[in-house]
Structure formats: C-alpha cells, structure tokens
C-alpha cells in the first residue's frame, strides 16, 4: 500500500460518492440524449410555382426542438440545390408546434439559383 492510500496507518477505501460517479455520469448522458431528440426531414417536393420547392422537417424533445427542425429543413434545402450544382435561396418558412415537449415542424419554400 502506498503512502497516499494510508492515513494514520489505516487504509482508506473509496468513498460512496466516488463509487457512484460513473453511474451518475451515465444517467446524465442518457437523459441528455433523450431530451435532445432528433430531427428528420421529408422529401423535397415542387411547389405551385415553377422552380420553387418545399421541404418539411420535424423534431421533438426539449425546448429547442423548433431550432433542430429549422436547421434540418435548411440543410435539406441546401443539400437538394447542392446536388444540382446550385445554391438555395430560402423563402417563406412556416413553423408549427411551439409548446414545450410537443413535436415541432418547419416547412420552407425555397428556390435553387446558380452559384455566384
């Protein structure tokens, strides 16, 4: 036994708190994962005007679900235009579901324009 493991000639055992810390960290990580939720986007569809498209995304879980839904819709629009060698020009956005812990949705109308 090393000198750091002894105190006045008595061996110290790990405290109860030290033994519980790994469990606490795992529990916190699991809770954060559940609250963070995930966002998903639907397929890009054509709108009523030529060269105008619509994409919807939704997210649930936590206070910032609306932000994850918005980000996912913007990413889907950007990716859609990028695959065509163009850039997205975002238009009107409609948000649904602003209550806490409710599923939130973002629907964005956009156009693809040549890159400058």
PDB file of N, CA and C in Angstrom:
ATOM      1  N   UNK A   1       0.834  -1.159   0.000  1.00  0.00           N
ATOM      2  CA  UNK A   1       0.000   0.000   0.000  1.00  0.00           C
ATOM      3  C   UNK A   1       0.887   1.234   0.000  1.00  0.00           C
ATOM      4  N   UNK A   2       0.541   2.206  -0.816  1.00  0.00           N
ATOM      5  CA  UNK A   2       1.357   3.418  -0.878  1.00  0.00           C
ATOM      6  C   UNK A   2       0.964   4.375   0.236  1.00  0.00           C
ATOM      7  N   UNK A   3       1.808   5.365   0.410  1.00  0.00           N
ATOM      8  CA  UNK A   3       1.560   6.342   1.477  1.00  0.00           C
ATOM      9  C   UNK A   3       0.275   7.117   1.218  1.00  0.00           C
ATOM     10  N   UNK A   4      -0.106   7.315  -0.084  1.00  0.00           N
ATOM     11  CA  UNK A   4      -1.320   8.076  -0.382  1.00  0.00           C
ATOM     12  C   UNK A   4      -2.583   7.278  -0.057  1.00  0.00           C
ATOM     13  N   UNK A   5      -2.465   5.961   0.047  1.00  0.00           N
ATOM     14  CA  UNK A   5      -3.629   5.144   0.367  1.00  0.00           C
ATOM     15  C   UNK A   5      -3.794   4.957   1.880  1.00  0.00           C
ATOM     16  N   UNK A   6      -2.861   5.467   2.647  1.00  0.00           N
ATOM     17  CA  UNK A   6      -2.950   5.314   4.090  1.00  0.00           C
ATOM     18  C   UNK A   6      -3.099   6.680   4.755  1.00  0.00           C
ATOM     19  N   UNK A   7      -3.813   6.685   5.822  1.00  0.00           N
ATOM     20  CA  UNK A   7      -3.955   7.885   6.630  1.00  0.00           C
ATOM     21  C   UNK A   7      -3.844   7.453   8.073  1.00  0.00           C
ATOM     22  N   UNK A   8      -2.823   7.873   8.743  1.00  0.00           N
ATOM     23  CA  UNK A   8      -2.557   7.484  10.135  1.00  0.00           C
ATOM     24  C   UNK A   8      -2.510   5.969  10.297  1.00  0.00           C
ATOM     25  N   UNK A   9      -1.933   5.283   9.305  1.00  0.00           N
ATOM     26  CA  UNK A   9      -1.763   3.852   9.415  1.00  0.00           C
ATOM     27  C   UNK A   9      -3.013   3.050   9.095  1.00  0.00           C
ATOM     28  N   UNK A  10      -4.101   3.698   8.655  1.00  0.00           N
ATOM     29  CA  UNK A  10      -5.347   2.994   8.327  1.00  0.00           C
ATOM     30  C   UNK A  10      -5.570   3.120   6.824  1.00  0.00           C
ATOM     31  N   UNK A  11      -5.838   2.002   6.166  1.00  0.00           N
ATOM     32  CA  UNK A  11      -6.089   2.020   4.726  1.00  0.00           C
ATOM     33  C   UNK A  11      -7.445   2.667   4.463  1.00  0.00           C
ATOM     34  N   UNK A  12      -7.491   3.547   3.440  1.00  0.00           N
ATOM     35  CA  UNK A  12      -8.746   4.213   3.077  1.00  0.00           C
ATOM     36  C   UNK A  12      -9.431   3.430   1.957  1.00  0.00           C
ATOM     37  N   UNK A  13     -10.728   3.288   2.048  1.00  0.00           N
ATOM     38  CA  UNK A  13     -11.491   2.667   0.964  1.00  0.00           C
ATOM     39  C   UNK A  13     -12.155   3.784   0.154  1.00  0.00           C
ATOM     40  N   UNK A  14     -12.440   3.512  -1.104  1.00  0.00           N
ATOM     41  CA  UNK A  14     -13.087   4.541  -1.929  1.00  0.00           C
ATOM     42  C   UNK A  14     -14.414   4.970  -1.291  1.00  0.00           C
ATOM     43  N   UNK A  15     -14.681   6.247  -1.351  1.00  0.00           N
ATOM     44  CA  UNK A  15     -15.918   6.749  -0.752  1.00  0.00           C
ATOM     45  C   UNK A  15     -17.120   6.330  -1.591  1.00  0.00           C
ATOM     46  N   UNK A  16     -18.267   6.400  -1.002  1.00  0.00           N
ATOM     47  CA  UNK A  16     -19.521   6.033  -1.683  1.00  0.00           C
ATOM     48  C   UNK A  16     -19.756   6.953  -2.876  1.00  0.00           C
ATOM     49  N   UNK A  17     -19.412   8.212  -2.740  1.00  0.00           N
ATOM     50  CA  UNK A  17     -19.596   9.171  -3.832  1.00  0.00           C
ATOM     51  C   UNK A  17     -18.721   8.791  -5.018  1.00  0.00           C
ATOM     52  N   UNK A  18     -17.474   8.438  -4.764  1.00  0.00           N
ATOM     53  CA  UNK A  18     -16.568   8.036  -5.833  1.00  0.00           C
ATOM     54  C   UNK A  18     -17.088   6.803  -6.559  1.00  0.00           C
ATOM     55  N   UNK A  19     -17.709   5.893  -5.841  1.00  0.00           N
ATOM     56  CA  UNK A  19     -18.256   4.685  -6.452  1.00  0.00           C
ATOM     57  C   UNK A  19     -19.486   5.005  -7.310  1.00  0.00           C
ATOM     58  N   UNK A  20     -20.261   6.017  -6.945  1.00  0.00           N
ATOM     59  CA  UNK A  20     -21.491   6.342  -7.666  1.00  0.00           C
ATOM     60  C   UNK A  20     -21.278   7.266  -8.861  1.00  0.00           C
ATOM     61  N   UNK A  21     -20.138   7.957  -8.931  1.00  0.00           N
ATOM     62  CA  UNK A  21     -19.915   8.918 -10.008  1.00  0.00           C
ATOM     63  C   UNK A  21     -20.086   8.332 -11.409  1.00  0.00           C
ATOM     64  N   UNK A  22     -19.540   7.178 -11.723  1.00  0.00           N
ATOM     65  CA  UNK A  22     -19.747   6.645 -13.075  1.00  0.00           C
ATOM     66  C   UNK A  22     -21.225   6.436 -13.404  1.00  0.00           C
ATOM     67  N   UNK A  23     -21.994   5.969 -12.461  1.00  0.00           N
ATOM     68  CA  UNK A  23     -23.422   5.765 -12.691  1.00  0.00           C
ATOM     69  C   UNK A  23     -24.140   7.092 -12.917  1.00  0.00           C
ATOM     70  N   UNK A  24     -23.761   8.103 -12.162  1.00  0.00           N
ATOM     71  CA  UNK A  24     -24.378   9.422 -12.311  1.00  0.00           C
ATOM     72  C   UNK A  24     -24.085   9.982 -13.704  1.00  0.00           C
ATOM     73  N   UNK A  25     -22.834   9.878 -14.155  1.00  0.00           N
ATOM     74  CA  UNK A  25     -22.478  10.389 -15.474  1.00  0.00           C
ATOM     75  C   UNK A  25     -23.219   9.654 -16.581  1.00  0.00           C
ATOM     76  N   UNK A  26     -23.352   8.353 -16.484  1.00  0.00           N
ATOM     77  CA  UNK A  26     -24.085   7.581 -17.485  1.00  0.00           C
ATOM     78  C   UNK A  26     -25.554   7.996 -17.492  1.00  0.00           C
ATOM     79  N   UNK A  27     -26.141   8.183 -16.332  1.00  0.00           N
ATOM     80  CA  UNK A  27     -27.537   8.608 -16.245  1.00  0.00           C
ATOM     81  C   UNK A  27     -27.740   9.987 -16.851  1.00  0.00           C
ATOM     82  N   UNK A  28     -26.834  10.912 -16.567  1.00  0.00           N
ATOM     83  CA  UNK A  28     -26.931  12.251 -17.143  1.00  0.00           C
ATOM     84  C   UNK A  28     -26.786  12.225 -18.654  1.00  0.00           C
ATOM     85  N   UNK A  29     -25.872  11.434 -19.153  1.00  0.00           N
ATOM     86  CA  UNK A  29     -25.687  11.329 -20.600  1.00  0.00           C
ATOM     87  C   UNK A  29     -26.941  10.759 -21.271  1.00  0.00           C
ATOM     88  N   UNK A  30     -27.540   9.756 -20.653  1.00  0.00           N
ATOM     89  CA  UNK A  30     -28.766   9.172 -21.208  1.00  0.00           C
ATOM     90  C   UNK A  30     -29.905  10.185 -21.199  1.00  0.00           C
ATOM     91  N   UNK A  31     -30.039  10.945 -20.131  1.00  0.00           N
ATOM     92  CA  UNK A  31     -31.099  11.954 -20.047  1.00  0.00           C
ATOM     93  C   UNK A  31     -30.902  13.038 -21.099  1.00  0.00           C
ATOM     94  N   UNK A  32     -29.682  13.466 -21.302  1.00  0.00           N
ATOM     95  CA  UNK A  32     -29.410  14.485 -22.320  1.00  0.00           C
ATOM     96  C   UNK A  32     -29.729  13.973 -23.716  1.00  0.00           C
ATOM     97  N   UNK A  33     -29.421  12.720 -23.974  1.00  0.00           N
ATOM     98  CA  UNK A  33     -29.710  12.127 -25.273  1.00  0.00           C
ATOM     99  C   UNK A  33     -31.207  12.089 -25.527  1.00  0.00           C
ATOM    100  N   UNK A  34     -31.978  11.697 -24.535  1.00  0.00           N
ATOM    101  CA  UNK A  34     -33.433  11.624 -24.684  1.00  0.00           C
ATOM    102  C   UNK A  34     -34.008  13.016 -24.899  1.00  0.00           C
ATOM    103  N   UNK A  35     -33.554  13.994 -24.128  1.00  0.00           N
ATOM    104  CA  UNK A  35     -34.077  15.345 -24.258  1.00  0.00           C
ATOM    105  C   UNK A  35     -33.637  16.018 -25.550  1.00  0.00           C
ATOM    106  N   UNK A  36     -32.495  15.651 -26.056  1.00  0.00           N
ATOM    107  CA  UNK A  36     -32.008  16.267 -27.279  1.00  0.00           C
ATOM    108  C   UNK A  36     -32.855  15.867 -28.469  1.00  0.00           C
ATOM    109  N   UNK A  37     -33.367  14.647 -28.477  1.00  0.00           N
ATOM    110  CA  UNK A  37     -34.217  14.212 -29.572  1.00  0.00           C
ATOM    111  C   UNK A  37     -33.462  14.227 -30.886  1.00  0.00           C
ATOM    112  N   UNK A  38     -34.193  14.074 -31.954  1.00  0.00           N
ATOM    113  CA  UNK A  38     -33.584  14.124 -33.266  1.00  0.00           C
ATOM    114  C   UNK A  38     -34.550  14.800 -34.220  1.00  0.00           C
ATOM    115  N   UNK A  39     -34.036  15.204 -35.344  1.00  0.00           N
ATOM    116  CA  UNK A  39     -34.849  15.864 -36.351  1.00  0.00           C
ATOM    117  C   UNK A  39     -34.809  15.040 -37.629  1.00  0.00           C
ATOM    118  N   UNK A  40     -35.907  15.073 -38.363  1.00  0.00           N
ATOM    119  CA  UNK A  40     -35.949  14.377 -39.636  1.00  0.00           C
ATOM    120  C   UNK A  40     -36.653  15.247 -40.660  1.00  0.00           C
ATOM    121  N   UNK A  41     -36.239  15.107 -41.901  1.00  0.00           N
ATOM    122  CA  UNK A  41     -36.830  15.897 -42.986  1.00  0.00           C
ATOM    123  C   UNK A  41     -37.521  14.963 -43.967  1.00  0.00           C
ATOM    124  N   UNK A  42     -38.567  15.487 -44.576  1.00  0.00           N
ATOM    125  CA  UNK A  42     -39.272  14.733 -45.612  1.00  0.00           C
ATOM    126  C   UNK A  42     -38.615  14.971 -46.957  1.00  0.00           C
ATOM    127  N   UNK A  43     -39.228  14.453 -47.994  1.00  0.00           N
ATOM    128  CA  UNK A  43     -38.714  14.640 -49.344  1.00  0.00           C
ATOM    129  C   UNK A  43     -38.982  16.058 -49.822  1.00  0.00           C
ATOM    130  N   UNK A  44     -38.115  16.550 -50.679  1.00  0.00           N
ATOM    131  CA  UNK A  44     -38.319  17.850 -51.309  1.00  0.00           C
ATOM    132  C   UNK A  44     -39.355  17.661 -52.401  1.00  0.00           C
ATOM    133  N   UNK A  45     -40.352  18.551 -52.430  1.00  0.00           N
ATOM    134  CA  UNK A  45     -41.394  18.481 -53.456  1.00  0.00           C
ATOM    135  C   UNK A  45     -41.447  19.809 -54.200  1.00  0.00           C
ATOM    136  N   UNK A  46     -42.035  19.789 -55.381  1.00  0.00           N
ATOM    137  CA  UNK A  46     -42.195  21.025 -56.137  1.00  0.00           C
ATOM    138  C   UNK A  46     -43.403  21.785 -55.609  1.00  0.00           C
ATOM    139  N   UNK A  47     -43.297  23.098 -55.616  1.00  0.00           N
ATOM    140  CA  UNK A  47     -44.386  23.957 -55.143  1.00  0.00           C
ATOM    141  C   UNK A  47     -45.278  24.327 -56.322  1.00  0.00           C
ATOM    142  N   UNK A  48     -46.206  25.221 -56.086  1.00  0.00           N
ATOM    143  CA  UNK A  48     -47.147  25.623 -57.118  1.00  0.00           C
ATOM    144  C   UNK A  48     -46.504  26.461 -58.228  1.00  0.00           C
ATOM    145  N   UNK A  49     -45.374  27.085 -57.956  1.00  0.00           N
ATOM    146  CA  UNK A  49     -44.660  27.867 -58.965  1.00  0.00           C
ATOM    147  C   UNK A  49     -43.479  27.077 -59.500  1.00  0.00           C
ATOM    148  N   UNK A  50     -43.146  27.315 -60.760  1.00  0.00           N
ATOM    149  CA  UNK A  50     -42.009  26.643 -61.371  1.00  0.00           C
ATOM    150  C   UNK A  50     -40.721  27.063 -60.678  1.00  0.00           C
ATOM    151  N   UNK A  51     -39.817  26.131 -60.498  1.00  0.00           N
ATOM    152  CA  UNK A  51     -38.513  26.348 -59.856  1.00  0.00           C
ATOM    153  C   UNK A  51     -38.622  26.720 -58.380  1.00  0.00           C
ATOM    154  N   UNK A  52     -39.742  26.422 -57.757  1.00  0.00           N
ATOM    155  CA  UNK A  52     -39.916  26.633 -56.324  1.00  0.00           C
ATOM    156  C   UNK A  52     -40.175  25.284 -55.685  1.00  0.00           C
ATOM    157  N   UNK A  53     -39.510  25.035 -54.568  1.00  0.00           N
ATOM    158  CA  UNK A  53     -39.594  23.737 -53.905  1.00  0.00           C
ATOM    159  C   UNK A  53     -40.009  23.917 -52.451  1.00  0.00           C
ATOM    160  N   UNK A  54     -40.468  22.821 -51.842  1.00  0.00           N
ATOM    161  CA  UNK A  54     -40.901  22.827 -50.445  1.00  0.00           C
ATOM    162  C   UNK A  54     -40.276  21.626 -49.751  1.00  0.00           C
ATOM    163  N   UNK A  55     -39.803  21.843 -48.535  1.00  0.00           N
ATOM    164  CA  UNK A  55     -39.307  20.745 -47.704  1.00  0.00           C
ATOM    165  C   UNK A  55     -39.805  20.967 -46.280  1.00  0.00           C
ATOM    166  N   UNK A  56     -40.170  19.873 -45.629  1.00  0.00           N
ATOM    167  CA  UNK A  56     -40.624  19.934 -44.236  1.00  0.00           C
ATOM    168  C   UNK A  56     -39.709  19.081 -43.377  1.00  0.00           C
ATOM    169  N   UNK A  57     -39.516  19.523 -42.159  1.00  0.00           N
ATOM    170  CA  UNK A  57     -38.725  18.770 -41.186  1.00  0.00           C
ATOM    171  C   UNK A  57     -39.426  18.864 -39.845  1.00  0.00           C
ATOM    172  N   UNK A  58     -39.202  17.865 -38.996  1.00  0.00           N
ATOM    173  CA  UNK A  58     -39.805  17.885 -37.665  1.00  0.00           C
ATOM    174  C   UNK A  58     -38.795  17.403 -36.637  1.00  0.00           C
ATOM    175  N   UNK A  59     -39.038  17.804 -35.402  1.00  0.00           N
ATOM    176  CA  UNK A  59     -38.178  17.403 -34.287  1.00  0.00           C
ATOM    177  C   UNK A  59     -39.029  17.386 -33.032  1.00  0.00           C
ATOM    178  N   UNK A  60     -38.606  16.607 -32.076  1.00  0.00           N
ATOM    179  CA  UNK A  60     -39.317  16.569 -30.801  1.00  0.00           C
ATOM    180  C   UNK A  60     -38.315  16.436 -29.676  1.00  0.00           C
ATOM    181  N   UNK A  61     -38.776  16.740 -28.475  1.00  0.00           N
ATOM    182  CA  UNK A  61     -37.940  16.560 -27.303  1.00  0.00           C
ATOM    183  C   UNK A  61     -37.154  17.788 -26.931  1.00  0.00           C
ATOM    184  N   UNK A  62     -37.620  18.490 -25.941  1.00  0.00           N
ATOM    185  CA  UNK A  62     -36.855  19.614 -25.412  1.00  0.00           C
ATOM    186  C   UNK A  62     -37.318  20.958 -25.920  1.00  0.00           C
ATOM    187  N   UNK A  63     -36.734  21.978 -25.313  1.00  0.00           N
ATOM    188  CA  UNK A  63     -37.142  23.345 -25.622  1.00  0.00           C
ATOM    189  C   UNK A  63     -36.671  23.813 -26.982  1.00  0.00           C
ATOM    190  N   UNK A  64     -35.602  23.284 -27.517  1.00  0.00           N
ATOM    191  CA  UNK A  64     -35.052  23.764 -28.776  1.00  0.00           C
ATOM    192  C   UNK A  64     -35.400  22.873 -29.963  1.00  0.00           C
ATOM    193  N   UNK A  65     -36.483  22.127 -29.849  1.00  0.00           N
ATOM    194  CA  UNK A  65     -36.884  21.260 -30.955  1.00  0.00           C
ATOM    195  C   UNK A  65     -37.165  22.082 -32.208  1.00  0.00           C
ATOM    196  N   UNK A  66     -37.736  23.268 -32.052  1.00  0.00           N
ATOM    197  CA  UNK A  66     -38.028  24.119 -33.212  1.00  0.00           C
ATOM    198  C   UNK A  66     -36.749  24.487 -33.949  1.00  0.00           C
ATOM    199  N   UNK A  67     -35.663  24.719 -33.219  1.00  0.00           N
ATOM    200  CA  UNK A  67     -34.389  25.083 -33.847  1.00  0.00           C
ATOM    201  C   UNK A  67     -33.811  23.897 -34.623  1.00  0.00           C
ATOM    202  N   UNK A  68     -33.949  22.678 -34.062  1.00  0.00           N
ATOM    203  CA  UNK A  68     -33.464  21.491 -34.773  1.00  0.00           C
ATOM    204  C   UNK A  68     -34.290  21.240 -36.025  1.00  0.00           C
ATOM    205  N   UNK A  69     -35.605  21.461 -35.956  1.00  0.00           N
ATOM    206  CA  UNK A  69     -36.462  21.287 -37.135  1.00  0.00           C
ATOM    207  C   UNK A  69     -36.081  22.293 -38.218  1.00  0.00           C
ATOM    208  N   UNK A  70     -35.868  23.539 -37.822  1.00  0.00           N
ATOM    209  CA  UNK A  70     -35.472  24.586 -38.771  1.00  0.00           C
ATOM    210  C   UNK A  70     -34.136  24.230 -39.430  1.00  0.00           C
ATOM    211  N   UNK A  71     -33.169  23.864 -38.611  1.00  0.00           N
ATOM    212  CA  UNK A  71     -31.833  23.543 -39.135  1.00  0.00           C
ATOM    213  C   UNK A  71     -31.895  22.360 -40.100  1.00  0.00           C
ATOM    214  N   UNK A  72     -32.678  21.358 -39.776  1.00  0.00           N
ATOM    215  CA  UNK A  72     -32.784  20.177 -40.637  1.00  0.00           C
ATOM    216  C   UNK A  72     -33.446  20.533 -41.963  1.00  0.00           C
ATOM    217  N   UNK A  73     -34.484  21.402 -41.948  1.00  0.00           N
ATOM    218  CA  UNK A  73     -35.144  21.824 -43.189  1.00  0.00           C
ATOM    219  C   UNK A  73     -34.190  22.649 -44.053  1.00  0.00           C
ATOM    220  N   UNK A  74     -33.441  23.553 -43.442  1.00  0.00           N
ATOM    221  CA  UNK A  74     -32.474  24.369 -44.181  1.00  0.00           C
ATOM    222  C   UNK A  74     -31.387  23.480 -44.784  1.00  0.00           C
ATOM    223  N   UNK A  75     -30.916  22.513 -44.032  1.00  0.00           N
ATOM    224  CA  UNK A  75     -29.894  21.592 -44.534  1.00  0.00           C
ATOM    225  C   UNK A  75     -30.430  20.784 -45.715  1.00  0.00           C
ATOM    226  N   UNK A  76     -31.673  20.299 -45.617  1.00  0.00           N
ATOM    227  CA  UNK A  76     -32.267  19.526 -46.710  1.00  0.00           C
ATOM    228  C   UNK A  76     -32.397  20.382 -47.963  1.00  0.00           C
ATOM    229  N   UNK A  77     -32.815  21.644 -47.812  1.00  0.00           N
ATOM    230  CA  UNK A  77     -32.934  22.552 -48.962  1.00  0.00           C
ATOM    231  C   UNK A  77     -31.558  22.807 -49.581  1.00  0.00           C
ATOM    232  N   UNK A  78     -30.576  23.075 -48.748  1.00  0.00           N
ATOM    233  CA  UNK A  78     -29.219  23.334 -49.245  1.00  0.00           C
ATOM    234  C   UNK A  78     -28.652  22.112 -49.956  1.00  0.00           C
ATOM    235  N   UNK A  79     -28.842  20.935 -49.376  1.00  0.00           N
ATOM    236  CA  UNK A  79     -28.347  19.699 -49.991  1.00  0.00           C
ATOM    237  C   UNK A  79     -29.017  19.443 -51.337  1.00  0.00           C
ATOM    238  N   UNK A  80     -30.320  19.710 -51.408  1.00  0.00           N
ATOM    239  CA  UNK A  80     -31.068  19.499 -52.654  1.00  0.00           C
ATOM    240  C   UNK A  80     -30.487  20.358 -53.772  1.00  0.00           C
ATOM    241  N   UNK A  81     -30.265  21.633 -53.494  1.00  0.00           N
ATOM    242  CA  UNK A  81     -29.715  22.528 -54.511  1.00  0.00           C
ATOM    243  C   UNK A  81     -28.254  22.192 -54.819  1.00  0.00           C
ATOM    244  N   UNK A  82     -27.506  21.825 -53.794  1.00  0.00           N
ATOM    245  CA  UNK A  82     -26.086  21.498 -53.969  1.00  0.00           C
ATOM    246  C   UNK A  82     -25.899  20.323 -54.925  1.00  0.00           C
ATOM    247  N   UNK A  83     -26.785  19.331 -54.857  1.00  0.00           N
ATOM    248  CA  UNK A  83     -26.669  18.180 -55.767  1.00  0.00           C
ATOM    249  C   UNK A  83     -26.904  18.585 -57.215  1.00  0.00           C
ATOM    250  N   UNK A  84     -27.496  19.749 -57.432  1.00  0.00           N
ATOM    251  CA  UNK A  84     -27.746  20.264 -58.779  1.00  0.00           C
ATOM    252  C   UNK A  84     -26.717  21.331 -59.171  1.00  0.00           C
ATOM    253  N   UNK A  85     -25.689  21.504 -58.325  1.00  0.00           N
ATOM    254  CA  UNK A  85     -24.654  22.484 -58.610  1.00  0.00           C
ATOM    255  C   UNK A  85     -25.118  23.911 -58.400  1.00  0.00           C
ATOM    256  N   UNK A  86     -26.124  24.080 -57.563  1.00  0.00           N
ATOM    257  CA  UNK A  86     -26.692  25.405 -57.324  1.00  0.00           C
ATOM    258  C   UNK A  86     -26.692  25.699 -55.828  1.00  0.00           C
ATOM    259  N   UNK A  87     -27.206  26.867 -55.460  1.00  0.00           N
ATOM    260  CA  UNK A  87     -27.329  27.221 -54.052  1.00  0.00           C
ATOM    261  C   UNK A  87     -28.781  27.548 -53.738  1.00  0.00           C
ATOM    262  N   UNK A  88     -29.161  27.285 -52.507  1.00  0.00           N
ATOM    263  CA  UNK A  88     -30.548  27.507 -52.079  1.00  0.00           C
ATOM    264  C   UNK A  88     -30.782  28.966 -51.749  1.00  0.00           C
ATOM    265  N   UNK A  89     -31.948  29.425 -52.117  1.00  0.00           N
ATOM    266  CA  UNK A  89     -32.417  30.759 -51.739  1.00  0.00           C
ATOM    267  C   UNK A  89     -33.708  30.530 -50.966  1.00  0.00           C
ATOM    268  N   UNK A  90     -33.623  30.689 -49.642  1.00  0.00           N
ATOM    269  CA  UNK A  90     -34.757  30.379 -48.787  1.00  0.00           C
ATOM    270  C   UNK A  90     -35.821  31.451 -48.885  1.00  0.00           C
ATOM    271  N   UNK A  91     -37.064  31.006 -48.850  1.00  0.00           N
ATOM    272  CA  UNK A  91     -38.195  31.924 -48.917  1.00  0.00           C
ATOM    273  C   UNK A  91     -38.982  31.893 -47.631  1.00  0.00           C
ATOM    274  N   UNK A  92     -40.243  31.593 -47.747  1.00  0.00           N
ATOM    275  CA  UNK A  92     -41.159  31.609 -46.607  1.00  0.00           C
ATOM    276  C   UNK A  92     -40.988  30.344 -45.769  1.00  0.00           C
ATOM    277  N   UNK A  93     -40.990  30.532 -44.450  1.00  0.00           N
ATOM    278  CA  UNK A  93     -40.928  29.395 -43.529  1.00  0.00           C
ATOM    279  C   UNK A  93     -42.162  29.411 -42.643  1.00  0.00           C
ATOM    280  N   UNK A  94     -42.736  28.237 -42.472  1.00  0.00           N
ATOM    281  CA  UNK A  94     -43.876  28.086 -41.569  1.00  0.00           C
ATOM    282  C   UNK A  94     -43.466  27.153 -40.445  1.00  0.00           C
ATOM    283  N   UNK A  95     -43.669  27.603 -39.211  1.00  0.00           N
ATOM    284  CA  UNK A  95     -43.337  26.791 -38.042  1.00  0.00           C
ATOM    285  C   UNK A  95     -44.625  26.355 -37.355  1.00  0.00           C
ATOM    286  N   UNK A  96     -44.650  25.119 -36.871  1.00  0.00           N
ATOM    287  CA  UNK A  96     -45.802  24.587 -36.145  1.00  0.00           C
ATOM    288  C   UNK A  96     -45.331  23.928 -34.865  1.00  0.00           C
ATOM    289  N   UNK A  97     -46.159  24.036 -33.805  1.00  0.00           N
ATOM    290  CA  UNK A  97     -45.884  23.331 -32.555  1.00  0.00           C
ATOM    291  C   UNK A  97     -44.921  24.039 -31.649  1.00  0.00           C
ATOM    292  N   UNK A  98     -45.312  25.140 -31.047  1.00  0.00           N
ATOM    293  CA  UNK A  98     -44.405  25.899 -30.195  1.00  0.00           C
ATOM    294  C   UNK A  98     -44.496  25.549 -28.716  1.00  0.00           C
ATOM    295  N   UNK A  99     -45.344  24.624 -28.337  1.00  0.00           N
ATOM    296  CA  UNK A  99     -45.452  24.268 -26.926  1.00  0.00           C
ATOM    297  C   UNK A  99     -44.315  23.333 -26.534  1.00  0.00           C
ATOM    298  N   UNK A 100     -43.889  23.451 -25.284  1.00  0.00           N
ATOM    299  CA  UNK A 100     -42.775  22.631 -24.794  1.00  0.00           C
ATOM    300  C   UNK A 100     -43.091  21.150 -24.917  1.00  0.00           C
ATOM    301  N   UNK A 101     -42.096  20.387 -25.295  1.00  0.00           N
ATOM    302  CA  UNK A 101     -42.145  18.929 -25.424  1.00  0.00           C
ATOM    303  C   UNK A 101     -43.137  18.437 -26.474  1.00  0.00           C
ATOM    304  N   UNK A 102     -43.645  19.324 -27.320  1.00  0.00           N
ATOM    305  CA  UNK A 102     -44.524  18.941 -28.421  1.00  0.00           C
ATOM    306  C   UNK A 102     -43.674  18.799 -29.680  1.00  0.00           C
ATOM    307  N   UNK A 103     -44.101  17.962 -30.602  1.00  0.00           N
ATOM    308  CA  UNK A 103     -43.355  17.848 -31.855  1.00  0.00           C
ATOM    309  C   UNK A 103     -43.437  19.182 -32.597  1.00  0.00           C
ATOM    310  N   UNK A 104     -42.308  19.642 -33.074  1.00  0.00           N
ATOM    311  CA  UNK A 104     -42.211  20.921 -33.768  1.00  0.00           C
ATOM    312  C   UNK A 104     -41.908  20.653 -35.236  1.00  0.00           C
ATOM    313  N   UNK A 105     -42.428  21.511 -36.121  1.00  0.00           N
ATOM    314  CA  UNK A 105     -42.216  21.314 -37.551  1.00  0.00           C
ATOM    315  C   UNK A 105     -41.829  22.623 -38.215  1.00  0.00           C
ATOM    316  N   UNK A 106     -41.049  22.511 -39.270  1.00  0.00           N
ATOM    317  CA  UNK A 106     -40.644  23.647 -40.079  1.00  0.00           C
ATOM    318  C   UNK A 106     -40.867  23.277 -41.538  1.00  0.00           C
ATOM    319  N   UNK A 107     -41.582  24.123 -42.259  1.00  0.00           N
ATOM    320  CA  UNK A 107     -41.794  23.933 -43.694  1.00  0.00           C
ATOM    321  C   UNK A 107     -41.223  25.153 -44.402  1.00  0.00           C
ATOM    322  N   UNK A 108     -40.290  24.912 -45.316  1.00  0.00           N
ATOM    323  CA  UNK A 108     -39.595  26.004 -46.005  1.00  0.00           C
ATOM    324  C   UNK A 108     -39.825  25.911 -47.504  1.00  0.00           C
ATOM    325  N   UNK A 109     -40.196  27.051 -48.087  1.00  0.00           N
ATOM    326  CA  UNK A 109     -40.251  27.186 -49.550  1.00  0.00           C
ATOM    327  C   UNK A 109     -38.906  27.763 -49.977  1.00  0.00           C
ATOM    328  N   UNK A 110     -38.338  27.226 -51.048  1.00  0.00           N
ATOM    329  CA  UNK A 110     -37.037  27.718 -51.496  1.00  0.00           C
ATOM    330  C   UNK A 110     -36.896  27.556 -52.994  1.00  0.00           C
ATOM    331  N   UNK A 111     -35.902  28.223 -53.533  1.00  0.00           N
ATOM    332  CA  UNK A 111     -35.548  28.122 -54.947  1.00  0.00           C
ATOM    333  C   UNK A 111     -34.067  27.781 -55.033  1.00  0.00           C
ATOM    334  N   UNK A 112     -33.685  27.184 -56.132  1.00  0.00           N
ATOM    335  CA  UNK A 112     -32.273  26.913 -56.406  1.00  0.00           C
ATOM    336  C   UNK A 112     -31.789  27.912 -57.462  1.00  0.00           C
ATOM    337  N   UNK A 113     -30.671  28.579 -57.171  1.00  0.00           N
ATOM    338  CA  UNK A 113     -30.117  29.568 -58.075  1.00  0.00           C
ATOM    339  C   UNK A 113     -28.660  29.216 -58.368  1.00  0.00           C
ATOM    340  N   UNK A 114     -28.162  29.660 -59.527  1.00  0.00           N
ATOM    341  CA  UNK A 114     -26.749  29.403 -59.836  1.00  0.00           C
ATOM    342  C   UNK A 114     -25.846  30.035 -58.774  1.00  0.00           C
ATOM    343  N   UNK A 115     -24.726  29.374 -58.536  1.00  0.00           N
ATOM    344  CA  UNK A 115     -23.755  29.910 -57.575  1.00  0.00           C
ATOM    345  C   UNK A 115     -23.084  31.118 -58.184  1.00  0.00           C
ATOM    346  N   UNK A 116     -22.831  32.094 -57.345  1.00  0.00           N
ATOM    347  CA  UNK A 116     -22.157  33.313 -57.832  1.00  0.00           C
ATOM    348  C   UNK A 116     -20.670  33.172 -57.809  1.00  0.00           C
TER     349      UNK A 116
END
